[in-house]
PDB file of N, CA and C in Angstrom:
ATOM      1  N   UNK A   1     130.470 214.710 275.429  1.00  0.00           N
ATOM      2  CA  UNK A   1     129.831 214.150 274.289  1.00  0.00           C
ATOM      3  C   UNK A   1     128.337 214.503 274.339  1.00  0.00           C
ATOM      4  N   UNK A   2     127.857 214.577 273.333  1.00  0.00           N
ATOM      5  CA  UNK A   2     126.581 215.284 272.953  1.00  0.00           C
ATOM      6  C   UNK A   2     125.501 214.212 273.377  1.00  0.00           C
ATOM      7  N   UNK A   3     124.275 214.428 273.368  1.00  0.00           N
ATOM      8  CA  UNK A   3     123.255 213.431 273.497  1.00  0.00           C
ATOM      9  C   UNK A   3     122.451 213.101 272.409  1.00  0.00           C
ATOM     10  N   UNK A   4     122.617 213.806 271.461  1.00  0.00           N
ATOM     11  CA  UNK A   4     121.862 213.765 269.889  1.00  0.00           C
ATOM     12  C   UNK A   4     122.247 212.575 269.398  1.00  0.00           C
ATOM     13  N   UNK A   5     121.827 211.810 268.672  1.00  0.00           N
ATOM     14  CA  UNK A   5     122.120 210.698 267.924  1.00  0.00           C
ATOM     15  C   UNK A   5     123.436 211.105 266.814  1.00  0.00           C
ATOM     16  N   UNK A   6     123.196 212.321 266.189  1.00  0.00           N
ATOM     17  CA  UNK A   6     124.284 212.633 265.293  1.00  0.00           C
ATOM     18  C   UNK A   6     125.674 212.821 266.150  1.00  0.00           C
ATOM     19  N   UNK A   7     125.275 213.547 267.326  1.00  0.00           N
ATOM     20  CA  UNK A   7     126.692 213.770 268.069  1.00  0.00           C
ATOM     21  C   UNK A   7     127.415 212.868 268.385  1.00  0.00           C
ATOM     22  N   UNK A   8     126.538 211.573 268.765  1.00  0.00           N
ATOM     23  CA  UNK A   8     127.200 210.375 269.060  1.00  0.00           C
ATOM     24  C   UNK A   8     127.896 209.817 268.103  1.00  0.00           C
ATOM     25  N   UNK A   9     127.429 209.490 267.018  1.00  0.00           N
ATOM     26  CA  UNK A   9     127.903 209.252 265.692  1.00  0.00           C
ATOM     27  C   UNK A   9     129.204 209.992 265.389  1.00  0.00           C
ATOM     28  N   UNK A  10     129.101 211.224 265.389  1.00  0.00           N
ATOM     29  CA  UNK A  10     130.642 211.927 265.194  1.00  0.00           C
ATOM     30  C   UNK A  10     131.579 211.608 266.201  1.00  0.00           C
ATOM     31  N   UNK A  11     131.080 211.526 267.463  1.00  0.00           N
ATOM     32  CA  UNK A  11     131.997 211.313 268.538  1.00  0.00           C
ATOM     33  C   UNK A  11     132.985 209.962 268.233  1.00  0.00           C
ATOM     34  N   UNK A  12     131.814 208.747 267.780  1.00  0.00           N
ATOM     35  CA  UNK A  12     132.486 207.333 267.448  1.00  0.00           C
ATOM     36  C   UNK A  12     133.375 207.473 266.538  1.00  0.00           C
ATOM     37  N   UNK A  13     132.898 208.230 265.422  1.00  0.00           N
ATOM     38  CA  UNK A  13     133.848 208.536 263.996  1.00  0.00           C
ATOM     39  C   UNK A  13     135.325 209.180 264.478  1.00  0.00           C
ATOM     40  N   UNK A  14     135.308 210.261 265.294  1.00  0.00           N
ATOM     41  CA  UNK A  14     136.218 210.741 265.474  1.00  0.00           C
ATOM     42  C   UNK A  14     137.262 209.769 266.348  1.00  0.00           C
ATOM     43  N   UNK A  15     136.925 208.706 267.357  1.00  0.00           N
ATOM     44  CA  UNK A  15     137.467 208.112 267.843  1.00  0.00           C
ATOM     45  C   UNK A  15     138.377 207.205 266.981  1.00  0.00           C
ATOM     46  N   UNK A  16     137.618 206.799 265.972  1.00  0.00           N
ATOM     47  CA  UNK A  16     138.141 205.659 264.655  1.00  0.00           C
ATOM     48  C   UNK A  16     139.262 206.480 264.096  1.00  0.00           C
ATOM     49  N   UNK A  17     139.014 207.542 263.736  1.00  0.00           N
ATOM     50  CA  UNK A  17     139.956 208.552 263.133  1.00  0.00           C
ATOM     51  C   UNK A  17     141.147 208.762 263.667  1.00  0.00           C
ATOM     52  N   UNK A  18     140.963 208.877 265.119  1.00  0.00           N
ATOM     53  CA  UNK A  18     142.235 209.367 265.869  1.00  0.00           C
ATOM     54  C   UNK A  18     142.947 208.028 266.066  1.00  0.00           C
ATOM     55  N   UNK A  19     142.364 207.158 266.202  1.00  0.00           N
ATOM     56  CA  UNK A  19     143.348 205.814 266.352  1.00  0.00           C
ATOM     57  C   UNK A  19     144.202 205.578 264.712  1.00  0.00           C
ATOM     58  N   UNK A  20     143.355 205.605 263.967  1.00  0.00           N
ATOM     59  CA  UNK A  20     143.927 205.389 262.485  1.00  0.00           C
ATOM     60  C   UNK A  20     145.097 206.343 262.214  1.00  0.00           C
ATOM     61  N   UNK A  21     144.841 207.692 262.618  1.00  0.00           N
ATOM     62  CA  UNK A  21     146.016 208.770 262.299  1.00  0.00           C
ATOM     63  C   UNK A  21     147.100 208.260 263.695  1.00  0.00           C
ATOM     64  N   UNK A  22     146.730 208.018 264.561  1.00  0.00           N
ATOM     65  CA  UNK A  22     147.894 207.945 265.586  1.00  0.00           C
ATOM     66  C   UNK A  22     148.813 206.652 265.006  1.00  0.00           C
ATOM     67  N   UNK A  23     148.133 205.693 264.439  1.00  0.00           N
ATOM     68  CA  UNK A  23     149.121 204.554 263.617  1.00  0.00           C
ATOM     69  C   UNK A  23     149.915 205.057 262.618  1.00  0.00           C
ATOM     70  N   UNK A  24     149.324 205.977 261.837  1.00  0.00           N
ATOM     71  CA  UNK A  24     150.283 206.492 260.410  1.00  0.00           C
ATOM     72  C   UNK A  24     151.058 207.193 261.242  1.00  0.00           C
ATOM     73  N   UNK A  25     151.003 208.357 262.074  1.00  0.00           N
ATOM     74  CA  UNK A  25     151.893 209.226 262.694  1.00  0.00           C
ATOM     75  C   UNK A  25     152.878 208.424 263.437  1.00  0.00           C
ATOM     76  N   UNK A  26     152.608 207.420 264.225  1.00  0.00           N
ATOM     77  CA  UNK A  26     153.428 206.526 264.846  1.00  0.00           C
ATOM     78  C   UNK A  26     154.500 205.813 263.963  1.00  0.00           C
ATOM     79  N   UNK A  27     153.756 205.427 262.704  1.00  0.00           N
ATOM     80  CA  UNK A  27     154.747 204.760 261.643  1.00  0.00           C
ATOM     81  C   UNK A  27     155.866 205.695 261.118  1.00  0.00           C
ATOM     82  N   UNK A  28     155.206 206.885 260.557  1.00  0.00           N
ATOM     83  CA  UNK A  28     156.302 207.928 260.113  1.00  0.00           C
ATOM     84  C   UNK A  28     157.437 208.453 261.235  1.00  0.00           C
ATOM     85  N   UNK A  29     156.844 208.439 262.379  1.00  0.00           N
ATOM     86  CA  UNK A  29     158.064 208.918 263.304  1.00  0.00           C
ATOM     87  C   UNK A  29     158.847 207.937 263.434  1.00  0.00           C
ATOM     88  N   UNK A  30     158.739 206.612 263.416  1.00  0.00           N
ATOM     89  CA  UNK A  30     159.611 205.541 263.474  1.00  0.00           C
ATOM     90  C   UNK A  30     160.497 205.576 262.317  1.00  0.00           C
ATOM     91  N   UNK A  31     159.878 205.850 261.248  1.00  0.00           N
ATOM     92  CA  UNK A  31     160.555 205.652 260.023  1.00  0.00           C
ATOM     93  C   UNK A  31     161.749 206.720 259.992  1.00  0.00           C
ATOM     94  N   UNK A  32     161.508 207.951 260.564  1.00  0.00           N
ATOM     95  CA  UNK A  32     162.105 209.324 260.547  1.00  0.00           C
ATOM     96  C   UNK A  32     163.395 208.834 261.509  1.00  0.00           C
ATOM     97  N   UNK A  33     163.059 208.478 262.649  1.00  0.00           N
ATOM     98  CA  UNK A  33     164.213 208.274 263.610  1.00  0.00           C
ATOM     99  C   UNK A  33     165.076 207.244 262.931  1.00  0.00           C
ATOM    100  N   UNK A  34     164.617 205.995 262.530  1.00  0.00           N
ATOM    101  CA  UNK A  34     165.518 205.026 262.035  1.00  0.00           C
ATOM    102  C   UNK A  34     166.640 205.687 260.881  1.00  0.00           C
ATOM    103  N   UNK A  35     166.055 206.617 260.259  1.00  0.00           N
ATOM    104  CA  UNK A  35     166.845 207.035 259.094  1.00  0.00           C
ATOM    105  C   UNK A  35     167.665 208.134 259.851  1.00  0.00           C
ATOM    106  N   UNK A  36     167.456 209.008 261.010  1.00  0.00           N
ATOM    107  CA  UNK A  36     168.448 209.716 261.587  1.00  0.00           C
ATOM    108  C   UNK A  36     169.380 209.046 262.466  1.00  0.00           C
ATOM    109  N   UNK A  37     168.994 207.867 262.913  1.00  0.00           N
ATOM    110  CA  UNK A  37     169.913 207.210 263.550  1.00  0.00           C
ATOM    111  C   UNK A  37     171.001 206.663 262.822  1.00  0.00           C
ATOM    112  N   UNK A  38     170.537 206.028 261.712  1.00  0.00           N
ATOM    113  CA  UNK A  38     171.616 205.408 260.867  1.00  0.00           C
ATOM    114  C   UNK A  38     172.405 206.310 260.127  1.00  0.00           C
ATOM    115  N   UNK A  39     172.132 207.719 259.911  1.00  0.00           N
ATOM    116  CA  UNK A  39     172.854 208.665 259.404  1.00  0.00           C
ATOM    117  C   UNK A  39     173.842 209.036 260.454  1.00  0.00           C
ATOM    118  N   UNK A  40     173.321 209.210 261.602  1.00  0.00           N
ATOM    119  CA  UNK A  40     174.188 209.598 262.560  1.00  0.00           C
ATOM    120  C   UNK A  40     175.529 208.566 263.064  1.00  0.00           C
ATOM    121  N   UNK A  41     175.092 207.434 262.791  1.00  0.00           N
ATOM    122  CA  UNK A  41     175.829 206.224 262.838  1.00  0.00           C
ATOM    123  C   UNK A  41     177.103 205.988 261.970  1.00  0.00           C
ATOM    124  N   UNK A  42     176.401 206.710 260.641  1.00  0.00           N
ATOM    125  CA  UNK A  42     177.774 206.689 259.386  1.00  0.00           C
ATOM    126  C   UNK A  42     177.525 205.457 258.592  1.00  0.00           C
ATOM    127  N   UNK A  43     176.230 204.806 258.679  1.00  0.00           N
ATOM    128  CA  UNK A  43     176.208 203.730 257.651  1.00  0.00           C
ATOM    129  C   UNK A  43     175.481 204.390 256.625  1.00  0.00           C
ATOM    130  N   UNK A  44     176.385 204.657 255.388  1.00  0.00           N
ATOM    131  CA  UNK A  44     175.697 205.162 254.466  1.00  0.00           C
ATOM    132  C   UNK A  44     174.516 204.648 253.729  1.00  0.00           C
ATOM    133  N   UNK A  45     174.742 203.149 253.337  1.00  0.00           N
ATOM    134  CA  UNK A  45     173.648 202.476 252.753  1.00  0.00           C
ATOM    135  C   UNK A  45     172.473 202.289 253.660  1.00  0.00           C
ATOM    136  N   UNK A  46     172.651 201.758 254.818  1.00  0.00           N
ATOM    137  CA  UNK A  46     171.509 201.780 255.669  1.00  0.00           C
ATOM    138  C   UNK A  46     170.857 203.237 255.710  1.00  0.00           C
ATOM    139  N   UNK A  47     171.406 204.023 255.590  1.00  0.00           N
ATOM    140  CA  UNK A  47     171.048 205.662 255.935  1.00  0.00           C
ATOM    141  C   UNK A  47     169.899 206.050 254.628  1.00  0.00           C
ATOM    142  N   UNK A  48     170.695 205.659 253.512  1.00  0.00           N
ATOM    143  CA  UNK A  48     169.962 206.082 252.254  1.00  0.00           C
ATOM    144  C   UNK A  48     168.844 205.157 252.102  1.00  0.00           C
ATOM    145  N   UNK A  49     168.706 203.887 252.779  1.00  0.00           N
ATOM    146  CA  UNK A  49     167.608 202.873 252.481  1.00  0.00           C
ATOM    147  C   UNK A  49     166.414 203.442 253.409  1.00  0.00           C
ATOM    148  N   UNK A  50     166.771 203.707 254.572  1.00  0.00           N
ATOM    149  CA  UNK A  50     166.150 204.287 255.819  1.00  0.00           C
ATOM    150  C   UNK A  50     165.412 205.751 255.380  1.00  0.00           C
ATOM    151  N   UNK A  51     166.112 206.185 254.548  1.00  0.00           N
ATOM    152  CA  UNK A  51     165.606 207.575 254.109  1.00  0.00           C
ATOM    153  C   UNK A  51     164.632 207.469 253.119  1.00  0.00           C
ATOM    154  N   UNK A  52     164.799 206.460 252.100  1.00  0.00           N
ATOM    155  CA  UNK A  52     163.820 206.271 251.232  1.00  0.00           C
ATOM    156  C   UNK A  52     162.428 205.688 251.970  1.00  0.00           C
ATOM    157  N   UNK A  53     162.493 204.757 252.995  1.00  0.00           N
ATOM    158  CA  UNK A  53     161.530 204.411 253.363  1.00  0.00           C
ATOM    159  C   UNK A  53     160.765 205.738 254.531  1.00  0.00           C
ATOM    160  N   UNK A  54     161.394 206.371 255.016  1.00  0.00           N
ATOM    161  CA  UNK A  54     160.886 207.522 255.757  1.00  0.00           C
ATOM    162  C   UNK A  54     160.319 208.288 254.461  1.00  0.00           C
ATOM    163  N   UNK A  55     160.785 208.633 253.686  1.00  0.00           N
ATOM    164  CA  UNK A  55     160.415 209.569 252.680  1.00  0.00           C
ATOM    165  C   UNK A  55     158.735 209.164 252.188  1.00  0.00           C
ATOM    166  N   UNK A  56     158.772 207.737 251.925  1.00  0.00           N
ATOM    167  CA  UNK A  56     157.381 207.208 251.495  1.00  0.00           C
ATOM    168  C   UNK A  56     156.446 207.330 252.710  1.00  0.00           C
ATOM    169  N   UNK A  57     156.869 206.811 253.880  1.00  0.00           N
ATOM    170  CA  UNK A  57     155.981 207.177 254.915  1.00  0.00           C
ATOM    171  C   UNK A  57     155.655 208.501 255.350  1.00  0.00           C
ATOM    172  N   UNK A  58     156.378 209.489 255.178  1.00  0.00           N
ATOM    173  CA  UNK A  58     156.036 211.035 255.123  1.00  0.00           C
ATOM    174  C   UNK A  58     154.729 211.012 254.064  1.00  0.00           C
ATOM    175  N   UNK A  59     155.152 210.837 252.946  1.00  0.00           N
ATOM    176  CA  UNK A  59     154.392 210.821 251.701  1.00  0.00           C
ATOM    177  C   UNK A  59     152.673 210.219 251.902  1.00  0.00           C
ATOM    178  N   UNK A  60     152.740 208.902 252.703  1.00  0.00           N
ATOM    179  CA  UNK A  60     151.529 208.233 252.913  1.00  0.00           C
ATOM    180  C   UNK A  60     150.872 209.268 253.910  1.00  0.00           C
ATOM    181  N   UNK A  61     151.593 209.601 255.081  1.00  0.00           N
ATOM    182  CA  UNK A  61     150.707 210.526 256.149  1.00  0.00           C
ATOM    183  C   UNK A  61     150.508 211.695 255.359  1.00  0.00           C
ATOM    184  N   UNK A  62     150.971 212.432 254.419  1.00  0.00           N
ATOM    185  CA  UNK A  62     150.546 213.697 253.692  1.00  0.00           C
ATOM    186  C   UNK A  62     149.121 213.097 253.057  1.00  0.00           C
ATOM    187  N   UNK A  63     149.166 212.211 252.277  1.00  0.00           N
ATOM    188  CA  UNK A  63     148.081 211.681 251.265  1.00  0.00           C
ATOM    189  C   UNK A  63     146.707 211.475 252.078  1.00  0.00           C
ATOM    190  N   UNK A  64     147.240 210.895 253.540  1.00  0.00           N
ATOM    191  CA  UNK A  64     146.015 210.494 254.150  1.00  0.00           C
ATOM    192  C   UNK A  64     145.517 211.980 255.095  1.00  0.00           C
ATOM    193  N   UNK A  65     146.215 212.894 255.039  1.00  0.00           N
ATOM    194  CA  UNK A  65     145.577 214.077 255.954  1.00  0.00           C
ATOM    195  C   UNK A  65     146.360 214.019 257.204  1.00  0.00           C
ATOM    196  N   UNK A  66     146.992 213.216 257.721  1.00  0.00           N
ATOM    197  CA  UNK A  66     147.682 213.001 258.895  1.00  0.00           C
ATOM    198  C   UNK A  66     148.628 214.208 259.122  1.00  0.00           C
ATOM    199  N   UNK A  67     149.501 214.544 258.015  1.00  0.00           N
ATOM    200  CA  UNK A  67     150.303 215.974 257.836  1.00  0.00           C
ATOM    201  C   UNK A  67     149.906 216.637 256.744  1.00  0.00           C
ATOM    202  N   UNK A  68     150.375 218.031 256.812  1.00  0.00           N
ATOM    203  CA  UNK A  68     149.933 218.761 255.830  1.00  0.00           C
ATOM    204  C   UNK A  68     150.805 218.794 254.656  1.00  0.00           C
ATOM    205  N   UNK A  69     150.588 218.866 253.222  1.00  0.00           N
ATOM    206  CA  UNK A  69     151.749 218.956 252.559  1.00  0.00           C
ATOM    207  C   UNK A  69     152.854 219.516 252.530  1.00  0.00           C
ATOM    208  N   UNK A  70     152.961 220.759 253.129  1.00  0.00           N
ATOM    209  CA  UNK A  70     154.022 221.561 253.175  1.00  0.00           C
ATOM    210  C   UNK A  70     154.909 220.939 254.450  1.00  0.00           C
ATOM    211  N   UNK A  71     153.967 220.750 255.446  1.00  0.00           N
ATOM    212  CA  UNK A  71     154.860 219.931 256.548  1.00  0.00           C
ATOM    213  C   UNK A  71     155.643 218.782 256.036  1.00  0.00           C
ATOM    214  N   UNK A  72     154.961 217.881 255.289  1.00  0.00           N
ATOM    215  CA  UNK A  72     155.599 216.691 254.854  1.00  0.00           C
ATOM    216  C   UNK A  72     156.886 217.147 253.755  1.00  0.00           C
ATOM    217  N   UNK A  73     156.660 218.130 253.000  1.00  0.00           N
ATOM    218  CA  UNK A  73     157.779 218.405 252.035  1.00  0.00           C
ATOM    219  C   UNK A  73     159.005 219.156 253.391  1.00  0.00           C
ATOM    220  N   UNK A  74     158.483 219.777 254.272  1.00  0.00           N
ATOM    221  CA  UNK A  74     159.752 220.442 255.093  1.00  0.00           C
ATOM    222  C   UNK A  74     160.424 219.117 255.551  1.00  0.00           C
ATOM    223  N   UNK A  75     159.672 217.999 256.242  1.00  0.00           N
ATOM    224  CA  UNK A  75     160.315 217.194 257.154  1.00  0.00           C
ATOM    225  C   UNK A  75     161.142 216.161 255.968  1.00  0.00           C
ATOM    226  N   UNK A  76     160.730 216.226 254.932  1.00  0.00           N
ATOM    227  CA  UNK A  76     161.672 215.319 253.822  1.00  0.00           C
ATOM    228  C   UNK A  76     162.657 215.971 253.584  1.00  0.00           C
ATOM    229  N   UNK A  77     162.769 217.380 253.397  1.00  0.00           N
ATOM    230  CA  UNK A  77     163.851 218.341 253.085  1.00  0.00           C
ATOM    231  C   UNK A  77     164.979 218.181 254.128  1.00  0.00           C
ATOM    232  N   UNK A  78     164.333 218.610 255.329  1.00  0.00           N
ATOM    233  CA  UNK A  78     165.146 218.346 256.674  1.00  0.00           C
ATOM    234  C   UNK A  78     166.045 217.057 256.843  1.00  0.00           C
ATOM    235  N   UNK A  79     165.104 216.117 256.495  1.00  0.00           N
ATOM    236  CA  UNK A  79     165.818 214.668 256.632  1.00  0.00           C
ATOM    237  C   UNK A  79     166.703 214.523 255.577  1.00  0.00           C
ATOM    238  N   UNK A  80     166.492 214.810 254.600  1.00  0.00           N
ATOM    239  CA  UNK A  80     167.682 214.758 253.130  1.00  0.00           C
ATOM    240  C   UNK A  80     168.922 215.443 253.739  1.00  0.00           C
ATOM    241  N   UNK A  81     168.757 216.519 253.919  1.00  0.00           N
ATOM    242  CA  UNK A  81     169.818 217.565 254.499  1.00  0.00           C
ATOM    243  C   UNK A  81     170.634 216.473 255.659  1.00  0.00           C
ATOM    244  N   UNK A  82     169.915 216.032 256.454  1.00  0.00           N
ATOM    245  CA  UNK A  82     170.752 215.450 257.655  1.00  0.00           C
ATOM    246  C   UNK A  82     171.411 214.346 256.821  1.00  0.00           C
ATOM    247  N   UNK A  83     170.786 213.314 256.091  1.00  0.00           N
ATOM    248  CA  UNK A  83     171.368 212.229 255.669  1.00  0.00           C
ATOM    249  C   UNK A  83     172.484 212.570 254.947  1.00  0.00           C
ATOM    250  N   UNK A  84     172.384 213.646 253.853  1.00  0.00           N
ATOM    251  CA  UNK A  84     173.316 213.952 253.112  1.00  0.00           C
ATOM    252  C   UNK A  84     174.658 214.605 253.641  1.00  0.00           C
ATOM    253  N   UNK A  85     174.392 215.168 254.801  1.00  0.00           N
ATOM    254  CA  UNK A  85     175.448 215.855 255.718  1.00  0.00           C
ATOM    255  C   UNK A  85     176.175 214.698 256.314  1.00  0.00           C
ATOM    256  N   UNK A  86     175.551 213.633 256.782  1.00  0.00           N
ATOM    257  CA  UNK A  86     176.118 212.499 257.264  1.00  0.00           C
ATOM    258  C   UNK A  86     177.163 211.622 256.415  1.00  0.00           C
ATOM    259  N   UNK A  87     176.499 211.730 255.072  1.00  0.00           N
ATOM    260  CA  UNK A  87     177.199 210.831 254.002  1.00  0.00           C
ATOM    261  C   UNK A  87     178.509 211.554 253.612  1.00  0.00           C
ATOM    262  N   UNK A  88     178.255 213.000 253.613  1.00  0.00           N
ATOM    263  CA  UNK A  88     179.412 213.729 253.328  1.00  0.00           C
ATOM    264  C   UNK A  88     180.568 214.064 254.212  1.00  0.00           C
ATOM    265  N   UNK A  89     180.270 213.746 255.324  1.00  0.00           N
ATOM    266  CA  UNK A  89     181.300 213.912 256.473  1.00  0.00           C
ATOM    267  C   UNK A  89     182.133 212.554 256.543  1.00  0.00           C
ATOM    268  N   UNK A  90     181.579 211.406 255.803  1.00  0.00           N
ATOM    269  CA  UNK A  90     182.768 210.437 256.001  1.00  0.00           C
ATOM    270  C   UNK A  90     183.684 210.622 254.893  1.00  0.00           C
TER     271      UNK A  90
END
């Protein structure tokens, strides 16, 4: 950490942002995991509901700058493929 006043302030700001970003990232990962687990378990209704929630969480993360917009699109696409594949296999 720097000794200048502005460096100390930037450090404090970075810590706050880090905590905020960690919370958003954690929420997103949990939502994605729930959708994947539901899809693999074979619960169509639950999987589609979990997918919608995960999609929203990914969009929020992208909007807040935690995820890049292309990374968000890629995650949503891969998740959709996984959920659809699980639904089709039944």
